[in-house]
PDB file of N, CA and C in Angstrom:
ATOM      1  N   MET A   1      18.720   0.618   9.720  1.00  0.00           N
ATOM      2  CA  MET A   1      18.376   1.217  11.035  1.00  0.00           C
ATOM      3  C   MET A   1      19.756   1.266  11.731  1.00  0.00           C
ATOM      4  N   LYS A   2      20.165   2.555  11.949  1.00  0.00           N
ATOM      5  CA  LYS A   2      21.380   2.844  12.698  1.00  0.00           C
ATOM      6  C   LYS A   2      21.026   3.077  14.223  1.00  0.00           C
ATOM      7  N   ILE A   3      21.689   2.274  14.942  1.00  0.00           N
ATOM      8  CA  ILE A   3      21.533   2.189  16.425  1.00  0.00           C
ATOM      9  C   ILE A   3      22.838   2.582  17.078  1.00  0.00           C
ATOM     10  N   ALA A   4      22.689   3.434  18.032  1.00  0.00           N
ATOM     11  CA  ALA A   4      23.893   3.836  18.839  1.00  0.00           C
ATOM     12  C   ALA A   4      23.952   2.914  20.066  1.00  0.00           C
ATOM     13  N   LEU A   5      24.973   2.160  20.007  1.00  0.00           N
ATOM     14  CA  LEU A   5      25.179   1.061  21.030  1.00  0.00           C
ATOM     15  C   LEU A   5      26.353   1.475  22.033  1.00  0.00           C
ATOM     16  N   GLN A   6      26.232   1.105  23.193  1.00  0.00           N
ATOM     17  CA  GLN A   6      27.365   1.099  24.220  1.00  0.00           C
ATOM     18  C   GLN A   6      27.631  -0.259  24.745  1.00  0.00           C
ATOM     19  N   TYR A   7      28.947  -0.602  24.760  1.00  0.00           N
ATOM     20  CA  TYR A   7      29.394  -1.854  25.286  1.00  0.00           C
ATOM     21  C   TYR A   7      29.931  -1.803  26.658  1.00  0.00           C
ATOM     22  N   VAL A   8      29.524  -2.790  27.400  1.00  0.00           N
ATOM     23  CA  VAL A   8      29.912  -2.869  28.791  1.00  0.00           C
ATOM     24  C   VAL A   8      30.990  -3.918  28.903  1.00  0.00           C
ATOM     25  N   ASN A   9      32.162  -3.641  29.350  1.00  0.00           N
ATOM     26  CA  ASN A   9      33.301  -4.591  29.327  1.00  0.00           C
ATOM     27  C   ASN A   9      33.645  -4.894  30.761  1.00  0.00           C
ATOM     28  N   ASP A  10      34.120  -6.112  31.000  1.00  0.00           N
ATOM     29  CA  ASP A  10      34.692  -6.449  32.395  1.00  0.00           C
ATOM     30  C   ASP A  10      36.006  -5.900  32.503  1.00  0.00           C
ATOM     31  N   ILE A  11      36.661  -6.267  33.668  1.00  0.00           N
ATOM     32  CA  ILE A  11      38.015  -5.715  34.035  1.00  0.00           C
ATOM     33  C   ILE A  11      39.003  -6.142  32.921  1.00  0.00           C
ATOM     34  N   ASN A  12      38.814  -7.260  32.205  1.00  0.00           N
ATOM     35  CA  ASN A  12      39.762  -7.928  31.254  1.00  0.00           C
ATOM     36  C   ASN A  12      39.473  -7.221  29.871  1.00  0.00           C
ATOM     37  N   GLY A  13      38.499  -6.414  29.802  1.00  0.00           N
ATOM     38  CA  GLY A  13      38.082  -5.946  28.461  1.00  0.00           C
ATOM     39  C   GLY A  13      37.256  -6.678  27.585  1.00  0.00           C
ATOM     40  N   ASN A  14      36.596  -7.822  28.207  1.00  0.00           N
ATOM     41  CA  ASN A  14      35.691  -8.729  27.541  1.00  0.00           C
ATOM     42  C   ASN A  14      34.365  -8.086  27.553  1.00  0.00           C
ATOM     43  N   THR A  15      33.633  -7.979  26.341  1.00  0.00           N
ATOM     44  CA  THR A  15      32.359  -7.470  26.353  1.00  0.00           C
ATOM     45  C   THR A  15      31.436  -8.311  27.206  1.00  0.00           C
ATOM     46  N   GLN A  16      30.599  -7.667  28.055  1.00  0.00           N
ATOM     47  CA  GLN A  16      29.630  -8.410  28.870  1.00  0.00           C
ATOM     48  C   GLN A  16      28.226  -8.054  28.545  1.00  0.00           C
ATOM     49  N   ALA A  17      28.019  -6.893  28.051  1.00  0.00           N
ATOM     50  CA  ALA A  17      26.592  -6.413  27.799  1.00  0.00           C
ATOM     51  C   ALA A  17      26.721  -5.424  26.624  1.00  0.00           C
ATOM     52  N   VAL A  18      25.399  -5.087  26.163  1.00  0.00           N
ATOM     53  CA  VAL A  18      25.222  -3.986  25.349  1.00  0.00           C
ATOM     54  C   VAL A  18      24.099  -3.162  25.778  1.00  0.00           C
ATOM     55  N   GLN A  19      24.241  -1.816  25.643  1.00  0.00           N
ATOM     56  CA  GLN A  19      23.259  -0.905  26.064  1.00  0.00           C
ATOM     57  C   GLN A  19      22.815  -0.134  24.897  1.00  0.00           C
ATOM     58  N   LEU A  20      21.485   0.259  24.839  1.00  0.00           N
ATOM     59  CA  LEU A  20      20.914   1.046  23.827  1.00  0.00           C
ATOM     60  C   LEU A  20      19.775   1.926  24.485  1.00  0.00           C
ATOM     61  N   VAL A  21      19.509   2.992  23.745  1.00  0.00           N
ATOM     62  CA  VAL A  21      18.392   3.879  24.374  1.00  0.00           C
ATOM     63  C   VAL A  21      17.060   3.100  24.219  1.00  0.00           C
ATOM     64  N   LEU A  22      16.245   3.359  25.194  1.00  0.00           N
ATOM     65  CA  LEU A  22      15.045   2.671  25.249  1.00  0.00           C
ATOM     66  C   LEU A  22      14.139   2.828  23.967  1.00  0.00           C
ATOM     67  N   THR A  23      14.030   3.963  23.401  1.00  0.00           N
ATOM     68  CA  THR A  23      13.185   4.089  22.204  1.00  0.00           C
ATOM     69  C   THR A  23      13.852   3.285  21.120  1.00  0.00           C
ATOM     70  N   GLU A  24      15.220   3.178  21.078  1.00  0.00           N
ATOM     71  CA  GLU A  24      15.798   2.321  20.012  1.00  0.00           C
ATOM     72  C   GLU A  24      15.386   0.793  20.210  1.00  0.00           C
ATOM     73  N   TRP A  25      15.420   0.445  21.505  1.00  0.00           N
ATOM     74  CA  TRP A  25      15.167  -1.010  21.949  1.00  0.00           C
ATOM     75  C   TRP A  25      13.650  -1.281  21.475  1.00  0.00           C
ATOM     76  N   GLU A  26      12.696  -0.302  21.661  1.00  0.00           N
ATOM     77  CA  GLU A  26      11.371  -0.528  21.281  1.00  0.00           C
ATOM     78  C   GLU A  26      11.186  -0.617  19.727  1.00  0.00           C
ATOM     79  N   LYS A  27      11.983   0.138  18.979  1.00  0.00           N
ATOM     80  CA  LYS A  27      12.065  -0.049  17.542  1.00  0.00           C
ATOM     81  C   LYS A  27      12.526  -1.503  17.137  1.00  0.00           C
ATOM     82  N   VAL A  28      13.527  -1.860  17.777  1.00  0.00           N
ATOM     83  CA  VAL A  28      14.025  -3.280  17.543  1.00  0.00           C
ATOM     84  C   VAL A  28      12.956  -4.302  17.851  1.00  0.00           C
ATOM     85  N   LEU A  29      12.261  -4.126  18.894  1.00  0.00           N
ATOM     86  CA  LEU A  29      11.258  -5.178  19.209  1.00  0.00           C
ATOM     87  C   LEU A  29      10.093  -5.132  18.222  1.00  0.00           C
ATOM     88  N   ASN A  30       9.774  -3.935  17.797  1.00  0.00           N
ATOM     89  CA  ASN A  30       8.688  -3.803  16.787  1.00  0.00           C
ATOM     90  C   ASN A  30       9.088  -4.400  15.456  1.00  0.00           C
ATOM     91  N   LYS A  31      10.363  -4.156  15.070  1.00  0.00           N
ATOM     92  CA  LYS A  31      10.870  -4.792  13.770  1.00  0.00           C
ATOM     93  C   LYS A  31      10.820  -6.288  13.903  1.00  0.00           C
ATOM     94  N   LEU A  32      11.411  -6.772  15.049  1.00  0.00           N
ATOM     95  CA  LEU A  32      11.284  -8.324  15.294  1.00  0.00           C
ATOM     96  C   LEU A  32       9.964  -8.880  15.301  1.00  0.00           C
ATOM     97  N   LYS A  33       8.975  -8.134  15.864  1.00  0.00           N
ATOM     98  CA  LYS A  33       7.680  -8.710  15.850  1.00  0.00           C
ATOM     99  C   LYS A  33       7.145  -8.880  14.350  1.00  0.00           C
ATOM    100  N   LYS A  34       7.419  -7.764  13.536  1.00  0.00           N
ATOM    101  CA  LYS A  34       7.070  -7.919  12.133  1.00  0.00           C
ATOM    102  C   LYS A  34       7.665  -8.983  11.427  1.00  0.00           C
ATOM    103  N   TYR A  35       9.032  -9.194  11.729  1.00  0.00           N
ATOM    104  CA  TYR A  35       9.736 -10.394  11.001  1.00  0.00           C
ATOM    105  C   TYR A  35       9.105 -11.674  11.536  1.00  0.00           C
ATOM    106  N   GLU A  36       8.722 -11.779  12.741  1.00  0.00           N
ATOM    107  CA  GLU A  36       8.108 -13.082  13.289  1.00  0.00           C
ATOM    108  C   GLU A  36       6.734 -13.262  12.616  1.00  0.00           C
ATOM    109  N   GLN A  37       6.005 -12.230  12.416  1.00  0.00           N
ATOM    110  CA  GLN A  37       4.666 -12.339  11.750  1.00  0.00           C
ATOM    111  C   GLN A  37       4.956 -12.787  10.275  1.00  0.00           C
ATOM    112  N   ALA A  38       5.819 -12.196   9.593  1.00  0.00           N
ATOM    113  CA  ALA A  38       5.986 -12.546   8.232  1.00  0.00           C
ATOM    114  C   ALA A  38       6.500 -14.079   8.167  1.00  0.00           C
ATOM    115  N   LEU A  39       7.408 -14.373   9.047  1.00  0.00           N
ATOM    116  CA  LEU A  39       7.830 -15.854   9.077  1.00  0.00           C
ATOM    117  C   LEU A  39       6.707 -16.888   9.392  1.00  0.00           C
ATOM    118  N   LYS A  40       5.877 -16.482  10.277  1.00  0.00           N
ATOM    119  CA  LYS A  40       4.650 -17.262  10.507  1.00  0.00           C
ATOM    120  C   LYS A  40       3.805 -17.460   9.285  1.00  0.00           C
ATOM    121  N   LEU A  41       3.559 -16.229   8.626  1.00  0.00           N
ATOM    122  CA  LEU A  41       2.784 -16.252   7.373  1.00  0.00           C
ATOM    123  C   LEU A  41       3.334 -17.154   6.343  1.00  0.00           C
ATOM    124  N   ARG A  42       4.656 -17.027   6.125  1.00  0.00           N
ATOM    125  CA  ARG A  42       5.368 -17.813   5.122  1.00  0.00           C
ATOM    126  C   ARG A  42       5.317 -19.298   5.473  1.00  0.00           C
ATOM    127  N   SER A  43       5.401 -19.625   6.679  1.00  0.00           N
ATOM    128  CA  SER A  43       5.334 -21.037   7.117  1.00  0.00           C
ATOM    129  C   SER A  43       3.905 -21.522   6.844  1.00  0.00           C
ATOM    130  N   ASP A  44       2.882 -20.790   7.193  1.00  0.00           N
ATOM    131  CA  ASP A  44       1.448 -21.113   7.054  1.00  0.00           C
ATOM    132  C   ASP A  44       1.146 -21.394   5.531  1.00  0.00           C
ATOM    133  N   LEU A  45       1.595 -20.369   4.679  1.00  0.00           N
ATOM    134  CA  LEU A  45       1.481 -20.545   3.250  1.00  0.00           C
ATOM    135  C   LEU A  45       2.103 -21.839   2.738  1.00  0.00           C
ATOM    136  N   SER A  46       3.284 -22.053   3.108  1.00  0.00           N
ATOM    137  CA  SER A  46       4.064 -23.205   2.662  1.00  0.00           C
ATOM    138  C   SER A  46       3.280 -24.394   2.979  1.00  0.00           C
ATOM    139  N   GLU A  47       2.728 -24.538   4.263  1.00  0.00           N
ATOM    140  CA  GLU A  47       2.089 -25.650   4.721  1.00  0.00           C
ATOM    141  C   GLU A  47       0.742 -25.867   3.837  1.00  0.00           C
ATOM    142  N   ALA A  48       0.087 -24.725   3.589  1.00  0.00           N
ATOM    143  CA  ALA A  48      -1.126 -24.725   2.793  1.00  0.00           C
ATOM    144  C   ALA A  48      -0.890 -25.290   1.357  1.00  0.00           C
ATOM    145  N   PHE A  49       0.204 -24.830   0.779  1.00  0.00           N
ATOM    146  CA  PHE A  49       0.582 -25.281  -0.557  1.00  0.00           C
ATOM    147  C   PHE A  49       0.926 -26.763  -0.592  1.00  0.00           C
ATOM    148  N   ASP A  50       1.644 -27.266   0.532  1.00  0.00           N
ATOM    149  CA  ASP A  50       1.975 -28.636   0.621  1.00  0.00           C
ATOM    150  C   ASP A  50       0.659 -29.389   0.684  1.00  0.00           C
ATOM    151  N   GLN A  51      -0.324 -29.000   1.490  1.00  0.00           N
ATOM    152  CA  GLN A  51      -1.601 -29.613   1.602  1.00  0.00           C
ATOM    153  C   GLN A  51      -2.341 -29.766   0.195  1.00  0.00           C
ATOM    154  N   VAL A  52      -2.344 -28.613  -0.423  1.00  0.00           N
ATOM    155  CA  VAL A  52      -2.995 -28.604  -1.811  1.00  0.00           C
ATOM    156  C   VAL A  52      -2.329 -29.608  -2.712  1.00  0.00           C
ATOM    157  N   ALA A  53      -0.891 -29.631  -2.686  1.00  0.00           N
ATOM    158  CA  ALA A  53      -0.295 -30.499  -3.612  1.00  0.00           C
ATOM    159  C   ALA A  53      -0.636 -31.979  -3.281  1.00  0.00           C
ATOM    160  N   LEU A  54      -0.723 -32.322  -1.884  1.00  0.00           N
ATOM    161  CA  LEU A  54      -1.165 -33.667  -1.427  1.00  0.00           C
ATOM    162  C   LEU A  54      -2.611 -34.019  -1.967  1.00  0.00           C
ATOM    163  N   LEU A  55      -3.488 -33.006  -1.756  1.00  0.00           N
ATOM    164  CA  LEU A  55      -4.869 -33.227  -2.169  1.00  0.00           C
ATOM    165  C   LEU A  55      -5.006 -33.563  -3.611  1.00  0.00           C
ATOM    166  N   LYS A  56      -4.160 -32.846  -4.477  1.00  0.00           N
ATOM    167  CA  LYS A  56      -4.105 -33.073  -5.947  1.00  0.00           C
ATOM    168  C   LYS A  56      -3.657 -34.386  -6.273  1.00  0.00           C
ATOM    169  N   LYS A  57      -2.797 -35.078  -5.471  1.00  0.00           N
ATOM    170  CA  LYS A  57      -2.291 -36.406  -5.818  1.00  0.00           C
ATOM    171  C   LYS A  57      -3.320 -37.415  -5.422  1.00  0.00           C
ATOM    172  N   GLN A  58      -4.179 -37.196  -4.521  1.00  0.00           N
ATOM    173  CA  GLN A  58      -5.114 -38.140  -3.943  1.00  0.00           C
ATOM    174  C   GLN A  58      -6.194 -38.498  -5.105  1.00  0.00           C
ATOM    175  N   LYS A  59      -6.531 -39.690  -5.115  1.00  0.00           N
ATOM    176  CA  LYS A  59      -7.542 -40.191  -6.060  1.00  0.00           C
ATOM    177  C   LYS A  59      -8.853 -40.188  -5.425  1.00  0.00           C
ATOM    178  N   GLY A  60      -9.894 -40.196  -6.216  1.00  0.00           N
ATOM    179  CA  GLY A  60     -11.192 -40.309  -5.629  1.00  0.00           C
ATOM    180  C   GLY A  60     -11.949 -39.037  -5.530  1.00  0.00           C
ATOM    181  N   ARG A  61     -13.054 -38.962  -4.902  1.00  0.00           N
ATOM    182  CA  ARG A  61     -13.906 -37.819  -4.932  1.00  0.00           C
ATOM    183  C   ARG A  61     -13.419 -36.868  -3.879  1.00  0.00           C
ATOM    184  N   LYS A  62     -13.289 -35.568  -4.259  1.00  0.00           N
ATOM    185  CA  LYS A  62     -12.719 -34.502  -3.413  1.00  0.00           C
ATOM    186  C   LYS A  62     -14.026 -33.752  -2.802  1.00  0.00           C
ATOM    187  N   GLN A  63     -13.789 -33.179  -1.599  1.00  0.00           N
ATOM    188  CA  GLN A  63     -14.778 -32.418  -0.867  1.00  0.00           C
ATOM    189  C   GLN A  63     -14.726 -31.048  -1.344  1.00  0.00           C
ATOM    190  N   THR A  64     -15.859 -30.441  -1.651  1.00  0.00           N
ATOM    191  CA  THR A  64     -15.975 -28.997  -2.087  1.00  0.00           C
ATOM    192  C   THR A  64     -15.834 -28.121  -0.872  1.00  0.00           C
ATOM    193  N   LEU A  65     -15.441 -26.886  -1.110  1.00  0.00           N
ATOM    194  CA  LEU A  65     -15.269 -25.886  -0.029  1.00  0.00           C
ATOM    195  C   LEU A  65     -16.680 -25.708   0.627  1.00  0.00           C
ATOM    196  N   THR A  66     -17.734 -25.555  -0.073  1.00  0.00           N
ATOM    197  CA  THR A  66     -19.001 -25.366   0.467  1.00  0.00           C
ATOM    198  C   THR A  66     -19.468 -26.556   1.295  1.00  0.00           C
ATOM    199  N   HIS A  67     -19.187 -27.756   0.851  1.00  0.00           N
ATOM    200  CA  HIS A  67     -19.458 -28.907   1.692  1.00  0.00           C
ATOM    201  C   HIS A  67     -18.591 -28.895   2.959  1.00  0.00           C
ATOM    202  N   PHE A  68     -17.439 -28.455   2.840  1.00  0.00           N
ATOM    203  CA  PHE A  68     -16.533 -28.419   4.087  1.00  0.00           C
ATOM    204  C   PHE A  68     -17.034 -27.397   5.069  1.00  0.00           C
ATOM    205  N   ILE A  69     -17.346 -26.232   4.567  1.00  0.00           N
ATOM    206  CA  ILE A  69     -17.880 -25.088   5.476  1.00  0.00           C
ATOM    207  C   ILE A  69     -19.115 -25.484   6.112  1.00  0.00           C
ATOM    208  N   ASN A  70     -20.102 -26.068   5.334  1.00  0.00           N
ATOM    209  CA  ASN A  70     -21.392 -26.470   5.918  1.00  0.00           C
ATOM    210  C   ASN A  70     -21.230 -27.640   7.044  1.00  0.00           C
ATOM    211  N   GLY A  71     -20.149 -28.328   6.952  1.00  0.00           N
ATOM    212  CA  GLY A  71     -19.868 -29.356   7.978  1.00  0.00           C
ATOM    213  C   GLY A  71     -19.232 -28.843   9.222  1.00  0.00           C
ATOM    214  N   LEU A  72     -18.898 -27.517   9.238  1.00  0.00           N
ATOM    215  CA  LEU A  72     -18.435 -27.020  10.461  1.00  0.00           C
ATOM    216  C   LEU A  72     -19.386 -26.668  11.403  1.00  0.00           C
TER     217      LEU A  72
END
């Protein structure tokens, strides 16, 4: 994604801000939202796999999915 940026500098030439066209900003926000959703999904899947691994290590009788759902 190519974005046309404008830099705002102070009297000493130090960059103080960046400006971009509003439509470009909205594209950036949409892309960020998708990345956040993907990261959340990845985190949730990782946690689920960790829980499955833990359940596999446990000894004893395991609860079935049907039994679990019926208990809700």
